[in-house]
Amino acid sequence: MLILALDSSTGIVTVAVARAGEDAAPGAGEARREVLAEISVPSRGASEALLPAAHAALNLAGTDLGEVERILVGVGPGTFTGIRIALAAARALSLATGAALSRNSTLAALATPALLDAGNPDVLAVLDAKRRQVFAQRFASDGARGEILCAAPGELAARLPALETSPEERMLLVGDGAVRYREALSGLGRIPAGASPLHRVTAVGHVLSADLAPVHAREVVPLYVREPDAEVRRDINPWSRA
């Protein structure tokens, strides 16, 4: 099964082409999910960068859109506009090609590359949510531990599930939120250097972590976690509802 994975939930537009067996389970790794090509580019205009990146990745993989059988899209959390752009692109490509849709959490994609290292017993994926908040979720090798949180960095310690690892096996924190709020979050575990690739959401992370079960297009919806910025502004300015 040929997969086209895409995500624009953060400041990075990321696309991957991969091949998987029909029975490939999440976390099965390269033995069952083979990445053929991947492109990630910093972008402030996902609407302009996403589809060209997809076509470039397909070219690198030596294939084309007509061969794609599954379109895997990151549904967030992340930037509201970026999420919507990726979902609209995924639905349009699915409609045009007949390829089935699958979805995956951006936080799961962020955590998975770090979890491939057996020395990291638990990983906390942390994305900058703006408004002095972060989106965060804790993961272990067997999947997510607890729900997605949206909180101020200083509030995370009290809201995370109790740690079950020894002091020698400190949790690893990854993501742009961990980098931005390093000082406030460093007590929760280890944070790699800011330039580490572990801090980037990648389409490869989606390929390795996603449940590839097909879902109906109506089920591919944004995972916002909190109210979109536009709704907050509308509440602040009641005249905008007129």
Protein backbone atom coordinates (compact mmCIF):
# COMPACT_ATOMS: atom_id res chain seq x y z
CA MET A 1 0.00 0.00 0.00
CA LEU A 2 1.47 3.34 -1.07
CA ILE A 3 0.95 6.15 1.46
CA LEU A 4 1.14 9.91 1.03
CA ALA A 5 1.48 11.52 4.48
CA LEU A 6 1.21 15.28 5.00
CA ASP A 7 1.10 17.78 7.83
CA SER A 8 1.11 21.58 8.10
CA SER A 9 0.03 21.90 11.74
CA THR A 10 3.23 23.72 12.70
CA GLY A 11 5.60 26.13 10.96
CA ILE A 12 6.94 23.18 8.96
CA VAL A 13 5.20 21.78 5.89
CA THR A 14 6.13 18.10 5.82
CA VAL A 15 5.28 15.36 3.32
CA ALA A 16 6.38 11.73 3.05
CA VAL A 17 5.79 8.86 0.67
CA ALA A 18 5.90 5.41 2.21
CA ARG A 19 4.95 1.81 1.54
CA ALA A 20 3.24 -0.42 4.10
CA GLY A 21 1.79 -3.90 4.27
CA GLU A 22 -1.95 -4.11 4.71
CA ASP A 23 -1.43 -5.53 8.21
CA ALA A 24 1.09 -2.90 9.30
CA ALA A 25 0.36 -1.88 12.88
CA PRO A 26 1.29 1.47 14.50
CA GLY A 27 4.86 1.46 15.70
CA ALA A 28 5.77 -1.58 13.61
CA GLY A 29 8.73 0.36 12.29
CA GLU A 30 10.68 0.14 9.07
CA ALA A 31 10.17 -3.62 8.63
CA ARG A 32 6.53 -3.04 7.68
CA ARG A 33 6.50 0.66 6.86
CA GLU A 34 9.19 1.73 4.44
CA VAL A 35 9.70 5.47 3.89
CA LEU A 36 10.53 6.13 0.23
CA ALA A 37 10.88 9.93 0.32
CA GLU A 38 10.36 12.84 2.69
CA ILE A 39 10.35 16.62 2.28
CA SER A 40 10.05 19.13 5.11
CA VAL A 41 10.27 22.87 4.50
CA PRO A 42 9.81 25.88 6.80
CA SER A 43 6.84 27.80 5.49
CA ARG A 44 4.63 30.71 6.42
CA GLY A 45 2.28 29.86 3.57
CA ALA A 46 1.17 26.24 3.81
CA SER A 47 -1.46 26.80 1.13
CA GLU A 48 1.34 27.55 -1.36
CA ALA A 49 3.90 25.01 -0.17
CA LEU A 50 1.94 21.84 0.66
CA LEU A 51 0.92 20.53 -2.76
CA PRO A 52 4.26 21.34 -4.46
CA ALA A 53 6.00 19.50 -1.59
CA ALA A 54 3.69 16.51 -2.12
CA HIS A 55 4.45 16.35 -5.84
CA ALA A 56 8.18 16.72 -5.16
CA ALA A 57 8.12 13.87 -2.64
CA LEU A 58 6.26 11.65 -5.12
CA ASN A 59 8.86 12.44 -7.77
CA LEU A 60 11.68 11.57 -5.36
CA ALA A 61 9.98 8.26 -4.63
CA GLY A 62 9.70 7.52 -8.35
CA THR A 63 5.92 7.35 -8.33
CA ASP A 64 2.91 9.56 -8.89
CA LEU A 65 -0.39 10.49 -7.31
CA GLY A 66 -2.26 7.87 -9.28
CA GLU A 67 -0.42 5.11 -7.40
CA VAL A 68 -1.30 6.43 -3.92
CA GLU A 69 -3.72 4.18 -2.02
CA ARG A 70 -3.82 5.96 1.34
CA ILE A 71 -3.61 9.64 2.26
CA LEU A 72 -2.54 10.16 5.86
CA VAL A 73 -3.02 13.63 7.34
CA GLY A 74 -2.02 15.24 10.61
CA VAL A 75 -5.14 16.68 12.26
CA GLY A 76 -3.43 18.68 15.03
CA PRO A 77 -3.21 20.13 17.52
CA GLY A 78 -1.23 23.02 16.09
CA THR A 79 -1.90 26.19 14.15
CA PHE A 80 -5.55 26.44 13.24
CA THR A 81 -5.00 27.67 9.66
CA GLY A 82 -2.29 25.10 8.98
CA ILE A 83 -4.49 22.24 10.19
CA ARG A 84 -7.37 23.33 7.97
CA ILE A 85 -5.13 23.62 4.92
CA ALA A 86 -3.75 20.11 5.36
CA LEU A 87 -7.20 18.62 5.88
CA ALA A 88 -8.63 20.40 2.84
CA ALA A 89 -5.72 19.19 0.71
CA ALA A 90 -6.07 15.61 1.97
CA ARG A 91 -9.81 15.52 1.27
CA ALA A 92 -9.35 17.01 -2.19
CA LEU A 93 -6.61 14.51 -3.09
CA SER A 94 -8.72 11.64 -1.78
CA LEU A 95 -11.70 12.77 -3.84
CA ALA A 96 -9.58 13.19 -6.96
CA THR A 97 -7.73 9.88 -6.73
CA GLY A 98 -10.08 7.57 -4.85
CA ALA A 99 -7.40 6.96 -2.20
CA ALA A 100 -8.73 6.26 1.29
CA LEU A 101 -8.08 8.71 4.14
CA SER A 102 -6.36 8.12 7.48
CA ARG A 103 -5.67 10.61 10.28
CA ASN A 104 -3.13 11.00 13.07
CA SER A 105 -2.29 13.28 15.97
CA THR A 106 0.52 15.77 15.44
CA LEU A 107 1.76 15.08 18.96
CA ALA A 108 2.02 11.34 18.25
CA ALA A 109 4.06 12.09 15.13
CA LEU A 110 6.35 14.35 17.17
CA ALA A 111 6.93 11.82 19.93
CA THR A 112 7.51 8.70 17.83
CA PRO A 113 11.05 9.36 16.48
CA ALA A 114 12.26 9.94 20.06
CA LEU A 115 10.58 6.73 21.21
CA LEU A 116 12.57 4.72 18.67
CA ASP A 117 15.54 5.11 21.02
CA ALA A 118 15.09 2.47 23.70
CA GLY A 119 16.91 4.76 26.13
CA ASN A 120 13.89 7.08 26.23
CA PRO A 121 11.29 5.32 28.42
CA ASP A 122 8.78 8.17 28.20
CA VAL A 123 8.49 11.16 25.87
CA LEU A 124 6.53 14.36 26.44
CA ALA A 125 5.60 15.97 23.12
CA VAL A 126 5.22 19.73 23.60
CA LEU A 127 4.04 22.15 20.93
CA ASP A 128 3.93 25.92 21.32
CA ALA A 129 0.22 26.82 21.41
CA LYS A 130 0.83 30.59 21.54
CA ARG A 131 -1.05 32.68 24.15
CA ARG A 132 1.73 31.54 26.59
CA GLN A 133 0.37 28.00 26.50
CA VAL A 134 1.53 24.64 25.16
CA PHE A 135 -0.15 21.53 23.79
CA ALA A 136 1.37 18.49 25.47
CA GLN A 137 0.88 14.74 25.71
CA ARG A 138 2.98 12.02 27.28
CA PHE A 139 3.87 8.87 25.32
CA ALA A 140 5.53 5.55 26.04
CA SER A 141 6.41 2.67 23.73
CA ASP A 142 2.88 1.30 24.11
CA GLY A 143 1.16 4.56 23.18
CA ALA A 144 -0.24 7.71 24.76
CA ARG A 145 -0.45 8.06 28.53
CA GLY A 146 -3.21 10.50 29.38
CA GLU A 147 -5.07 13.07 27.32
CA ILE A 148 -3.79 16.03 25.33
CA LEU A 149 -3.28 19.01 27.62
CA CYS A 150 -3.43 22.70 26.81
CA ALA A 151 -1.89 24.65 29.66
CA ALA A 152 0.65 27.22 30.72
CA PRO A 153 4.12 25.62 30.88
CA GLY A 154 4.30 26.05 34.64
CA GLU A 155 1.03 24.11 35.10
CA LEU A 156 2.08 20.95 33.26
CA ALA A 157 3.79 19.21 36.17
CA ALA A 158 0.57 19.20 38.22
CA ARG A 159 -1.57 17.97 35.33
CA LEU A 160 0.60 15.15 33.93
CA PRO A 161 0.03 11.51 34.90
CA ALA A 162 2.32 10.45 37.75
CA LEU A 163 5.77 9.43 36.56
CA GLU A 164 6.50 5.74 36.83
CA THR A 165 10.18 5.84 35.90
CA SER A 166 13.23 6.12 38.10
CA PRO A 167 15.21 9.38 38.41
CA GLU A 168 17.85 7.84 36.15
CA GLU A 169 15.25 7.38 33.41
CA ARG A 170 14.10 10.95 33.10
CA MET A 171 11.38 11.79 30.61
CA LEU A 172 12.50 13.32 27.31
CA LEU A 173 10.75 16.51 26.21
CA VAL A 174 10.58 17.33 22.49
CA GLY A 175 8.92 19.99 20.37
CA ASP A 176 9.09 23.72 19.77
CA GLY A 177 7.17 24.29 23.01
CA ALA A 178 9.89 22.48 24.97
CA VAL A 179 12.51 24.68 23.31
CA ARG A 180 10.67 27.95 23.86
CA TYR A 181 9.81 27.20 27.50
CA ARG A 182 12.97 25.28 28.37
CA GLU A 183 13.47 27.07 31.68
CA ALA A 184 9.93 26.39 32.93
CA LEU A 185 9.88 22.76 31.72
CA SER A 186 13.41 21.55 32.45
CA GLY A 187 12.34 20.13 35.80
CA LEU A 188 10.12 17.61 34.02
CA GLY A 189 12.97 15.89 32.20
CA ARG A 190 15.68 16.20 29.55
CA ILE A 191 15.31 18.65 26.66
CA PRO A 192 17.64 18.19 23.65
CA ALA A 193 19.49 21.15 22.15
CA GLY A 194 17.28 23.51 20.18
CA ALA A 195 18.75 22.40 16.85
CA SER A 196 17.86 18.74 17.43
CA PRO A 197 15.65 17.23 14.68
CA LEU A 198 13.61 15.61 17.45
CA HIS A 199 11.89 18.96 17.98
CA ARG A 200 10.30 18.92 14.49
CA VAL A 201 7.01 17.33 13.49
CA THR A 202 7.64 15.15 10.44
CA ALA A 203 5.49 13.23 8.03
CA VAL A 204 7.79 10.27 8.70
CA GLY A 205 6.68 10.45 12.34
CA HIS A 206 3.09 10.18 11.12
CA VAL A 207 3.92 7.16 8.96
CA LEU A 208 5.53 5.35 11.89
CA SER A 209 2.87 6.15 14.49
CA ALA A 210 -0.49 6.27 12.71
CA ASP A 211 -3.31 3.79 12.71
CA LEU A 212 -3.76 3.38 8.96
CA ALA A 213 -7.35 2.24 9.21
CA PRO A 214 -9.40 4.14 6.59
CA VAL A 215 -11.89 6.69 7.86
CA HIS A 216 -14.71 8.60 6.18
CA ALA A 217 -13.93 12.16 5.09
CA ARG A 218 -16.43 13.52 7.63
CA GLU A 219 -14.29 11.99 10.40
CA VAL A 220 -11.16 13.83 9.27
CA VAL A 221 -11.69 16.95 11.37
CA PRO A 222 -9.32 19.34 13.14
CA LEU A 223 -8.07 18.40 16.59
CA TYR A 224 -8.09 21.92 17.98
CA VAL A 225 -8.05 21.09 21.76
CA ARG A 226 -8.97 24.69 22.54
CA GLU A 227 -11.17 27.31 20.88
CA PRO A 228 -9.74 28.79 17.65
CA ASP A 229 -8.29 32.30 17.85
CA ALA A 230 -11.03 33.67 15.59
CA GLU A 231 -13.70 32.48 18.03
CA VAL A 232 -11.88 34.09 20.94
CA ARG A 233 -11.72 37.42 19.11
CA ARG A 234 -15.42 37.15 18.26
CA ASP A 235 -16.25 36.65 21.93
CA ILE A 236 -14.16 39.68 22.88
CA ASN A 237 -15.82 41.84 20.21
CA PRO A 238 -19.59 41.10 20.25
CA TRP A 239 -20.11 43.48 17.31
CA SER A 240 -18.30 40.97 15.10
CA ARG A 241 -21.33 38.67 15.40
CA ALA A 242 -23.62 41.24 13.85
